[in-house]
Amino acid sequence: MQWIWDAPKARRNLKDHGVSFEAAALVFDDPMFVSEPDPYPDEDRWRAIGRVHLSTLFVVHTLDDEGGGGRIISARKATRTERKRYDEGYS
């Protein structure tokens, strides 16, 4: 998958959340990552949770038309509730 992002936004995200967009892109390499639509009204966005090394990350992203990647919007460490949802397979 090919992921793109806005460089100033990526720097701000790293400063604010301690998660680089390069690391966030690795979420999609997790065979157990889960994704669901994000209810953002102005754009089709998705929320994904997956493991990168020993951390569980929460990533907001778009998808390109071909499904081969998209744009990373934000990334942070998953909350306890989000980690539990990931562990339960987002059921």
PDB file of N, CA and C in Angstrom:
ATOM      1  N   MET A   1       0.839  -1.183   0.000  1.00  0.00           N
ATOM      2  CA  MET A   1       0.000   0.000   0.000  1.00  0.00           C
ATOM      3  C   MET A   1       0.882   1.243   0.000  1.00  0.00           C
ATOM      4  N   GLN A   2       0.448   2.225  -0.726  1.00  0.00           N
ATOM      5  CA  GLN A   2       1.181   3.484  -0.829  1.00  0.00           C
ATOM      6  C   GLN A   2       0.452   4.554  -0.016  1.00  0.00           C
ATOM      7  N   TRP A   3       1.125   5.132   0.969  1.00  0.00           N
ATOM      8  CA  TRP A   3       0.521   6.144   1.830  1.00  0.00           C
ATOM      9  C   TRP A   3       1.205   7.481   1.621  1.00  0.00           C
ATOM     10  N   ILE A   4       0.402   8.533   1.602  1.00  0.00           N
ATOM     11  CA  ILE A   4       0.914   9.897   1.487  1.00  0.00           C
ATOM     12  C   ILE A   4       0.408  10.686   2.689  1.00  0.00           C
ATOM     13  N   TRP A   5       1.025  11.846   2.908  1.00  0.00           N
ATOM     14  CA  TRP A   5       0.583  12.733   3.979  1.00  0.00           C
ATOM     15  C   TRP A   5       1.173  14.102   3.759  1.00  0.00           C
ATOM     16  N   ASP A   6       0.604  15.050   4.457  1.00  0.00           N
ATOM     17  CA  ASP A   6       1.063  16.429   4.442  1.00  0.00           C
ATOM     18  C   ASP A   6       2.231  16.540   5.428  1.00  0.00           C
ATOM     19  N   ALA A   7       3.388  16.971   4.955  1.00  0.00           N
ATOM     20  CA  ALA A   7       4.593  16.992   5.793  1.00  0.00           C
ATOM     21  C   ALA A   7       4.441  17.875   7.038  1.00  0.00           C
ATOM     22  N   PRO A   8       3.915  19.122   6.927  1.00  0.00           N
ATOM     23  CA  PRO A   8       3.737  19.918   8.149  1.00  0.00           C
ATOM     24  C   PRO A   8       2.778  19.254   9.146  1.00  0.00           C
ATOM     25  N   LYS A   9       1.719  18.634   8.635  1.00  0.00           N
ATOM     26  CA  LYS A   9       0.774  17.928   9.505  1.00  0.00           C
ATOM     27  C   LYS A   9       1.467  16.753  10.188  1.00  0.00           C
ATOM     28  N   ALA A  10       2.321  16.043   9.469  1.00  0.00           N
ATOM     29  CA  ALA A  10       3.052  14.909  10.045  1.00  0.00           C
ATOM     30  C   ALA A  10       3.977  15.371  11.174  1.00  0.00           C
ATOM     31  N   ARG A  11       4.660  16.491  10.978  1.00  0.00           N
ATOM     32  CA  ARG A  11       5.541  17.023  12.028  1.00  0.00           C
ATOM     33  C   ARG A  11       4.737  17.427  13.257  1.00  0.00           C
ATOM     34  N   ARG A  12       3.593  18.061  13.039  1.00  0.00           N
ATOM     35  CA  ARG A  12       2.729  18.477  14.141  1.00  0.00           C
ATOM     36  C   ARG A  12       2.180  17.250  14.887  1.00  0.00           C
ATOM     37  N   ASN A  13       1.797  16.229  14.142  1.00  0.00           N
ATOM     38  CA  ASN A  13       1.281  15.009  14.758  1.00  0.00           C
ATOM     39  C   ASN A  13       2.355  14.343  15.629  1.00  0.00           C
ATOM     40  N   LEU A  14       3.584  14.289  15.126  1.00  0.00           N
ATOM     41  CA  LEU A  14       4.683  13.701  15.890  1.00  0.00           C
ATOM     42  C   LEU A  14       4.905  14.482  17.183  1.00  0.00           C
ATOM     43  N   LYS A  15       4.869  15.801  17.095  1.00  0.00           N
ATOM     44  CA  LYS A  15       5.058  16.644  18.277  1.00  0.00           C
ATOM     45  C   LYS A  15       3.906  16.464  19.267  1.00  0.00           C
ATOM     46  N   ASP A  16       2.671  16.450  18.764  1.00  0.00           N
ATOM     47  CA  ASP A  16       1.489  16.388  19.631  1.00  0.00           C
ATOM     48  C   ASP A  16       1.216  14.997  20.190  1.00  0.00           C
ATOM     49  N   HIS A  17       1.458  13.957  19.386  1.00  0.00           N
ATOM     50  CA  HIS A  17       1.056  12.603  19.774  1.00  0.00           C
ATOM     51  C   HIS A  17       2.210  11.616  19.906  1.00  0.00           C
ATOM     52  N   GLY A  18       3.405  12.018  19.483  1.00  0.00           N
ATOM     53  CA  GLY A  18       4.551  11.128  19.597  1.00  0.00           C
ATOM     54  C   GLY A  18       4.531   9.951  18.639  1.00  0.00           C
ATOM     55  N   VAL A  19       3.743  10.074  17.560  1.00  0.00           N
ATOM     56  CA  VAL A  19       3.641   8.999  16.569  1.00  0.00           C
ATOM     57  C   VAL A  19       3.941   9.581  15.194  1.00  0.00           C
ATOM     58  N   SER A  20       4.926   9.022  14.511  1.00  0.00           N
ATOM     59  CA  SER A  20       5.239   9.481  13.156  1.00  0.00           C
ATOM     60  C   SER A  20       4.267   8.854  12.167  1.00  0.00           C
ATOM     61  N   PHE A  21       4.048   9.523  11.062  1.00  0.00           N
ATOM     62  CA  PHE A  21       3.194   8.954  10.021  1.00  0.00           C
ATOM     63  C   PHE A  21       3.880   7.760   9.352  1.00  0.00           C
ATOM     64  N   GLU A  22       5.203   7.727   9.376  1.00  0.00           N
ATOM     65  CA  GLU A  22       5.913   6.552   8.858  1.00  0.00           C
ATOM     66  C   GLU A  22       5.549   5.317   9.694  1.00  0.00           C
ATOM     67  N   ALA A  23       5.521   5.489  11.009  1.00  0.00           N
ATOM     68  CA  ALA A  23       5.113   4.380  11.884  1.00  0.00           C
ATOM     69  C   ALA A  23       3.641   4.058  11.688  1.00  0.00           C
ATOM     70  N   ALA A  24       2.819   5.095  11.535  1.00  0.00           N
ATOM     71  CA  ALA A  24       1.378   4.880  11.338  1.00  0.00           C
ATOM     72  C   ALA A  24       1.109   4.042  10.095  1.00  0.00           C
ATOM     73  N   ALA A  25       1.877   4.244   9.052  1.00  0.00           N
ATOM     74  CA  ALA A  25       1.678   3.481   7.813  1.00  0.00           C
ATOM     75  C   ALA A  25       1.921   1.989   8.026  1.00  0.00           C
ATOM     76  N   LEU A  26       2.704   1.638   9.034  1.00  0.00           N
ATOM     77  CA  LEU A  26       2.980   0.227   9.319  1.00  0.00           C
ATOM     78  C   LEU A  26       1.777  -0.499   9.915  1.00  0.00           C
ATOM     79  N   VAL A  27       0.790   0.252  10.408  1.00  0.00           N
ATOM     80  CA  VAL A  27      -0.442  -0.365  10.922  1.00  0.00           C
ATOM     81  C   VAL A  27      -1.048  -1.285   9.868  1.00  0.00           C
ATOM     82  N   PHE A  28      -0.959  -0.872   8.613  1.00  0.00           N
ATOM     83  CA  PHE A  28      -1.611  -1.613   7.535  1.00  0.00           C
ATOM     84  C   PHE A  28      -0.848  -2.881   7.143  1.00  0.00           C
ATOM     85  N   ASP A  29       0.331  -3.069   7.712  1.00  0.00           N
ATOM     86  CA  ASP A  29       1.076  -4.315   7.535  1.00  0.00           C
ATOM     87  C   ASP A  29       0.680  -5.361   8.574  1.00  0.00           C
ATOM     88  N   ASP A  30      -0.038  -4.931   9.598  1.00  0.00           N
ATOM     89  CA  ASP A  30      -0.506  -5.849  10.639  1.00  0.00           C
ATOM     90  C   ASP A  30      -1.627  -6.706  10.054  1.00  0.00           C
ATOM     91  N   PRO A  31      -1.459  -8.009   9.964  1.00  0.00           N
ATOM     92  CA  PRO A  31      -2.511  -8.844   9.368  1.00  0.00           C
ATOM     93  C   PRO A  31      -3.815  -8.826  10.158  1.00  0.00           C
ATOM     94  N   MET A  32      -3.773  -8.340  11.391  1.00  0.00           N
ATOM     95  CA  MET A  32      -4.969  -8.293  12.228  1.00  0.00           C
ATOM     96  C   MET A  32      -5.535  -6.877  12.356  1.00  0.00           C
ATOM     97  N   PHE A  33      -5.007  -5.907  11.569  1.00  0.00           N
ATOM     98  CA  PHE A  33      -5.521  -4.540  11.718  1.00  0.00           C
ATOM     99  C   PHE A  33      -7.006  -4.522  11.379  1.00  0.00           C
ATOM    100  N   VAL A  34      -7.708  -3.609  12.036  1.00  0.00           N
ATOM    101  CA  VAL A  34      -9.142  -3.464  11.796  1.00  0.00           C
ATOM    102  C   VAL A  34      -9.407  -2.029  11.376  1.00  0.00           C
ATOM    103  N   SER A  35     -10.416  -1.854  10.559  1.00  0.00           N
ATOM    104  CA  SER A  35     -10.750  -0.535  10.032  1.00  0.00           C
ATOM    105  C   SER A  35     -12.258  -0.407   9.940  1.00  0.00           C
ATOM    106  N   GLU A  36     -12.741   0.806  10.173  1.00  0.00           N
ATOM    107  CA  GLU A  36     -14.167   1.081  10.054  1.00  0.00           C
ATOM    108  C   GLU A  36     -14.343   2.505   9.555  1.00  0.00           C
ATOM    109  N   PRO A  37     -15.490   2.811   8.955  1.00  0.00           N
ATOM    110  CA  PRO A  37     -15.723   4.179   8.486  1.00  0.00           C
ATOM    111  C   PRO A  37     -15.714   5.163   9.650  1.00  0.00           C
ATOM    112  N   ASP A  38     -15.188   6.337   9.404  1.00  0.00           N
ATOM    113  CA  ASP A  38     -15.197   7.430  10.368  1.00  0.00           C
ATOM    114  C   ASP A  38     -16.365   8.337  10.003  1.00  0.00           C
ATOM    115  N   PRO A  39     -17.170   8.776  10.956  1.00  0.00           N
ATOM    116  CA  PRO A  39     -18.353   9.573  10.612  1.00  0.00           C
ATOM    117  C   PRO A  39     -18.060  11.041  10.282  1.00  0.00           C
ATOM    118  N   TYR A  40     -16.889  11.344   9.784  1.00  0.00           N
ATOM    119  CA  TYR A  40     -16.536  12.715   9.402  1.00  0.00           C
ATOM    120  C   TYR A  40     -17.424  13.145   8.234  1.00  0.00           C
ATOM    121  N   PRO A  41     -18.105  14.295   8.334  1.00  0.00           N
ATOM    122  CA  PRO A  41     -19.119  14.635   7.325  1.00  0.00           C
ATOM    123  C   PRO A  41     -18.601  15.127   5.972  1.00  0.00           C
ATOM    124  N   ASP A  42     -17.399  15.666   5.908  1.00  0.00           N
ATOM    125  CA  ASP A  42     -16.950  16.333   4.682  1.00  0.00           C
ATOM    126  C   ASP A  42     -16.098  15.473   3.754  1.00  0.00           C
ATOM    127  N   GLU A  43     -15.748  14.260   4.179  1.00  0.00           N
ATOM    128  CA  GLU A  43     -14.815  13.444   3.408  1.00  0.00           C
ATOM    129  C   GLU A  43     -14.975  11.989   3.854  1.00  0.00           C
ATOM    130  N   ASP A  44     -14.788  11.058   2.936  1.00  0.00           N
ATOM    131  CA  ASP A  44     -14.806   9.640   3.307  1.00  0.00           C
ATOM    132  C   ASP A  44     -13.510   9.310   4.036  1.00  0.00           C
ATOM    133  N   ARG A  45     -13.629   9.117   5.331  1.00  0.00           N
ATOM    134  CA  ARG A  45     -12.473   8.800   6.162  1.00  0.00           C
ATOM    135  C   ARG A  45     -12.688   7.458   6.846  1.00  0.00           C
ATOM    136  N   TRP A  46     -11.575   6.866   7.231  1.00  0.00           N
ATOM    137  CA  TRP A  46     -11.593   5.581   7.916  1.00  0.00           C
ATOM    138  C   TRP A  46     -10.758   5.667   9.179  1.00  0.00           C
ATOM    139  N   ARG A  47     -11.101   4.821  10.155  1.00  0.00           N
ATOM    140  CA  ARG A  47     -10.330   4.694  11.396  1.00  0.00           C
ATOM    141  C   ARG A  47      -9.761   3.284  11.429  1.00  0.00           C
ATOM    142  N   ALA A  48      -8.475   3.187  11.611  1.00  0.00           N
ATOM    143  CA  ALA A  48      -7.820   1.879  11.656  1.00  0.00           C
ATOM    144  C   ALA A  48      -7.077   1.728  12.978  1.00  0.00           C
ATOM    145  N   ILE A  49      -7.056   0.508  13.469  1.00  0.00           N
ATOM    146  CA  ILE A  49      -6.278   0.178  14.656  1.00  0.00           C
ATOM    147  C   ILE A  49      -5.437  -1.049  14.325  1.00  0.00           C
ATOM    148  N   GLY A  50      -4.158  -0.948  14.656  1.00  0.00           N
ATOM    149  CA  GLY A  50      -3.269  -2.074  14.425  1.00  0.00           C
ATOM    150  C   GLY A  50      -2.027  -1.962  15.284  1.00  0.00           C
ATOM    151  N   ARG A  51      -1.276  -3.031  15.304  1.00  0.00           N
ATOM    152  CA  ARG A  51      -0.054  -3.064  16.105  1.00  0.00           C
ATOM    153  C   ARG A  51       1.156  -2.740  15.241  1.00  0.00           C
ATOM    154  N   VAL A  52       2.011  -1.925  15.815  1.00  0.00           N
ATOM    155  CA  VAL A  52       3.311  -1.603  15.221  1.00  0.00           C
ATOM    156  C   VAL A  52       4.329  -1.843  16.330  1.00  0.00           C
ATOM    157  N   HIS A  53       5.154  -2.825  16.135  1.00  0.00           N
ATOM    158  CA  HIS A  53       6.106  -3.251  17.165  1.00  0.00           C
ATOM    159  C   HIS A  53       5.310  -3.602  18.423  1.00  0.00           C
ATOM    160  N   LEU A  54       5.503  -2.929  19.512  1.00  0.00           N
ATOM    161  CA  LEU A  54       4.777  -3.261  20.745  1.00  0.00           C
ATOM    162  C   LEU A  54       3.655  -2.279  21.051  1.00  0.00           C
ATOM    163  N   SER A  55       3.368  -1.363  20.145  1.00  0.00           N
ATOM    164  CA  SER A  55       2.325  -0.362  20.368  1.00  0.00           C
ATOM    165  C   SER A  55       1.105  -0.640  19.502  1.00  0.00           C
ATOM    166  N   THR A  56      -0.058  -0.323  20.043  1.00  0.00           N
ATOM    167  CA  THR A  56      -1.288  -0.361  19.262  1.00  0.00           C
ATOM    168  C   THR A  56      -1.611   1.078  18.888  1.00  0.00           C
ATOM    169  N   LEU A  57      -1.750   1.332  17.587  1.00  0.00           N
ATOM    170  CA  LEU A  57      -1.961   2.688  17.089  1.00  0.00           C
ATOM    171  C   LEU A  57      -3.352   2.845  16.502  1.00  0.00           C
ATOM    172  N   PHE A  58      -3.869   4.065  16.604  1.00  0.00           N
ATOM    173  CA  PHE A  58      -5.150   4.471  16.034  1.00  0.00           C
ATOM    174  C   PHE A  58      -4.831   5.466  14.925  1.00  0.00           C
ATOM    175  N   VAL A  59      -5.264   5.180  13.701  1.00  0.00           N
ATOM    176  CA  VAL A  59      -4.908   5.998  12.540  1.00  0.00           C
ATOM    177  C   VAL A  59      -6.171   6.405  11.791  1.00  0.00           C
ATOM    178  N   VAL A  60      -6.315   7.705  11.538  1.00  0.00           N
ATOM    179  CA  VAL A  60      -7.398   8.202  10.688  1.00  0.00           C
ATOM    180  C   VAL A  60      -6.805   8.409   9.302  1.00  0.00           C
ATOM    181  N   HIS A  61      -7.523   7.906   8.281  1.00  0.00           N
ATOM    182  CA  HIS A  61      -6.975   7.954   6.928  1.00  0.00           C
ATOM    183  C   HIS A  61      -8.089   7.972   5.894  1.00  0.00           C
ATOM    184  N   THR A  62      -7.713   8.285   4.670  1.00  0.00           N
ATOM    185  CA  THR A  62      -8.602   8.134   3.522  1.00  0.00           C
ATOM    186  C   THR A  62      -8.090   6.949   2.710  1.00  0.00           C
ATOM    187  N   LEU A  63      -8.874   6.524   1.741  1.00  0.00           N
ATOM    188  CA  LEU A  63      -8.445   5.479   0.815  1.00  0.00           C
ATOM    189  C   LEU A  63      -8.442   6.041  -0.594  1.00  0.00           C
ATOM    190  N   ASP A  64      -7.461   5.643  -1.399  1.00  0.00           N
ATOM    191  CA  ASP A  64      -7.489   6.065  -2.795  1.00  0.00           C
ATOM    192  C   ASP A  64      -8.518   5.221  -3.547  1.00  0.00           C
ATOM    193  N   ASP A  65      -8.849   5.630  -4.748  1.00  0.00           N
ATOM    194  CA  ASP A  65      -9.902   4.966  -5.521  1.00  0.00           C
ATOM    195  C   ASP A  65      -9.571   3.525  -5.874  1.00  0.00           C
ATOM    196  N   GLU A  66      -8.295   3.195  -5.965  1.00  0.00           N
ATOM    197  CA  GLU A  66      -7.893   1.843  -6.334  1.00  0.00           C
ATOM    198  C   GLU A  66      -7.729   0.934  -5.120  1.00  0.00           C
ATOM    199  N   GLY A  67      -7.828   1.482  -3.910  1.00  0.00           N
ATOM    200  CA  GLY A  67      -7.677   0.677  -2.702  1.00  0.00           C
ATOM    201  C   GLY A  67      -6.253   0.285  -2.384  1.00  0.00           C
ATOM    202  N   GLY A  68      -5.293   0.964  -2.992  1.00  0.00           N
ATOM    203  CA  GLY A  68      -3.894   0.622  -2.777  1.00  0.00           C
ATOM    204  C   GLY A  68      -3.179   1.544  -1.821  1.00  0.00           C
ATOM    205  N   GLY A  69      -3.894   2.204  -0.971  1.00  0.00           N
ATOM    206  CA  GLY A  69      -3.300   3.144  -0.030  1.00  0.00           C
ATOM    207  C   GLY A  69      -4.216   4.329   0.134  1.00  0.00           C
ATOM    208  N   GLY A  70      -3.635   5.448   0.487  1.00  0.00           N
ATOM    209  CA  GLY A  70      -4.428   6.653   0.696  1.00  0.00           C
ATOM    210  C   GLY A  70      -3.605   7.698   1.417  1.00  0.00           C
ATOM    211  N   ARG A  71      -4.312   8.540   2.169  1.00  0.00           N
ATOM    212  CA  ARG A  71      -3.672   9.660   2.866  1.00  0.00           C
ATOM    213  C   ARG A  71      -3.864   9.485   4.364  1.00  0.00           C
ATOM    214  N   ILE A  72      -2.785   9.565   5.108  1.00  0.00           N
ATOM    215  CA  ILE A  72      -2.857   9.517   6.563  1.00  0.00           C
ATOM    216  C   ILE A  72      -3.156  10.921   7.065  1.00  0.00           C
ATOM    217  N   ILE A  73      -4.163  11.019   7.919  1.00  0.00           N
ATOM    218  CA  ILE A  73      -4.624  12.303   8.439  1.00  0.00           C
ATOM    219  C   ILE A  73      -4.112  12.532   9.858  1.00  0.00           C
ATOM    220  N   SER A  74      -4.191  11.509  10.698  1.00  0.00           N
ATOM    221  CA  SER A  74      -3.686  11.624  12.065  1.00  0.00           C
ATOM    222  C   SER A  74      -3.374  10.240  12.609  1.00  0.00           C
ATOM    223  N   ALA A  75      -2.540  10.212  13.639  1.00  0.00           N
ATOM    224  CA  ALA A  75      -2.163   8.951  14.268  1.00  0.00           C
ATOM    225  C   ALA A  75      -1.788   9.220  15.717  1.00  0.00           C
ATOM    226  N   ARG A  76      -2.157   8.261  16.555  1.00  0.00           N
ATOM    227  CA  ARG A  76      -1.830   8.354  17.974  1.00  0.00           C
ATOM    228  C   ARG A  76      -1.844   6.949  18.554  1.00  0.00           C
ATOM    229  N   LYS A  77      -1.378   6.833  19.787  1.00  0.00           N
ATOM    230  CA  LYS A  77      -1.495   5.554  20.476  1.00  0.00           C
ATOM    231  C   LYS A  77      -2.968   5.321  20.785  1.00  0.00           C
ATOM    232  N   ALA A  78      -3.400   4.088  20.643  1.00  0.00           N
ATOM    233  CA  ALA A  78      -4.793   3.742  20.908  1.00  0.00           C
ATOM    234  C   ALA A  78      -5.095   3.877  22.399  1.00  0.00           C
ATOM    235  N   THR A  79      -6.332   4.262  22.696  1.00  0.00           N
ATOM    236  CA  THR A  79      -6.775   4.320  24.087  1.00  0.00           C
ATOM    237  C   THR A  79      -6.998   2.901  24.608  1.00  0.00           C
ATOM    238  N   ARG A  80      -7.195   2.775  25.892  1.00  0.00           N
ATOM    239  CA  ARG A  80      -7.469   1.464  26.481  1.00  0.00           C
ATOM    240  C   ARG A  80      -8.696   0.820  25.835  1.00  0.00           C
ATOM    241  N   THR A  81      -9.749   1.599  25.630  1.00  0.00           N
ATOM    242  CA  THR A  81     -10.969   1.083  24.995  1.00  0.00           C
ATOM    243  C   THR A  81     -10.694   0.627  23.571  1.00  0.00           C
ATOM    244  N   GLU A  82      -9.928   1.408  22.816  1.00  0.00           N
ATOM    245  CA  GLU A  82      -9.594   1.041  21.435  1.00  0.00           C
ATOM    246  C   GLU A  82      -8.726  -0.212  21.389  1.00  0.00           C
ATOM    247  N   ARG A  83      -7.792  -0.331  22.325  1.00  0.00           N
ATOM    248  CA  ARG A  83      -6.961  -1.543  22.381  1.00  0.00           C
ATOM    249  C   ARG A  83      -7.826  -2.765  22.666  1.00  0.00           C
ATOM    250  N   LYS A  84      -8.786  -2.609  23.549  1.00  0.00           N
ATOM    251  CA  LYS A  84      -9.689  -3.721  23.859  1.00  0.00           C
ATOM    252  C   LYS A  84     -10.492  -4.112  22.625  1.00  0.00           C
ATOM    253  N   ARG A  85     -10.994  -3.117  21.882  1.00  0.00           N
ATOM    254  CA  ARG A  85     -11.739  -3.404  20.655  1.00  0.00           C
ATOM    255  C   ARG A  85     -10.858  -4.132  19.643  1.00  0.00           C
ATOM    256  N   TYR A  86      -9.617  -3.706  19.530  1.00  0.00           N
ATOM    257  CA  TYR A  86      -8.684  -4.388  18.628  1.00  0.00           C
ATOM    258  C   TYR A  86      -8.498  -5.842  19.068  1.00  0.00           C
ATOM    259  N   ASP A  87      -8.260  -6.026  20.354  1.00  0.00           N
ATOM    260  CA  ASP A  87      -8.029  -7.376  20.876  1.00  0.00           C
ATOM    261  C   ASP A  87      -9.244  -8.276  20.689  1.00  0.00           C
ATOM    262  N   GLU A  88     -10.428  -7.686  20.675  1.00  0.00           N
ATOM    263  CA  GLU A  88     -11.659  -8.460  20.493  1.00  0.00           C
ATOM    264  C   GLU A  88     -12.070  -8.547  19.028  1.00  0.00           C
ATOM    265  N   GLY A  89     -11.247  -8.033  18.136  1.00  0.00           N
ATOM    266  CA  GLY A  89     -11.560  -8.082  16.706  1.00  0.00           C
ATOM    267  C   GLY A  89     -12.608  -7.078  16.288  1.00  0.00           C
ATOM    268  N   TYR A  90     -12.688  -5.971  17.045  1.00  0.00           N
ATOM    269  CA  TYR A  90     -13.613  -4.877  16.708  1.00  0.00           C
ATOM    270  C   TYR A  90     -15.057  -5.352  16.678  1.00  0.00           C
ATOM    271  N   SER A  91     -15.406  -6.278  17.545  1.00  0.00           N
ATOM    272  CA  SER A  91     -16.789  -6.765  17.582  1.00  0.00           C
ATOM    273  C   SER A  91     -17.672  -5.896  18.451  1.00  0.00           C
TER     274      SER A  91
END
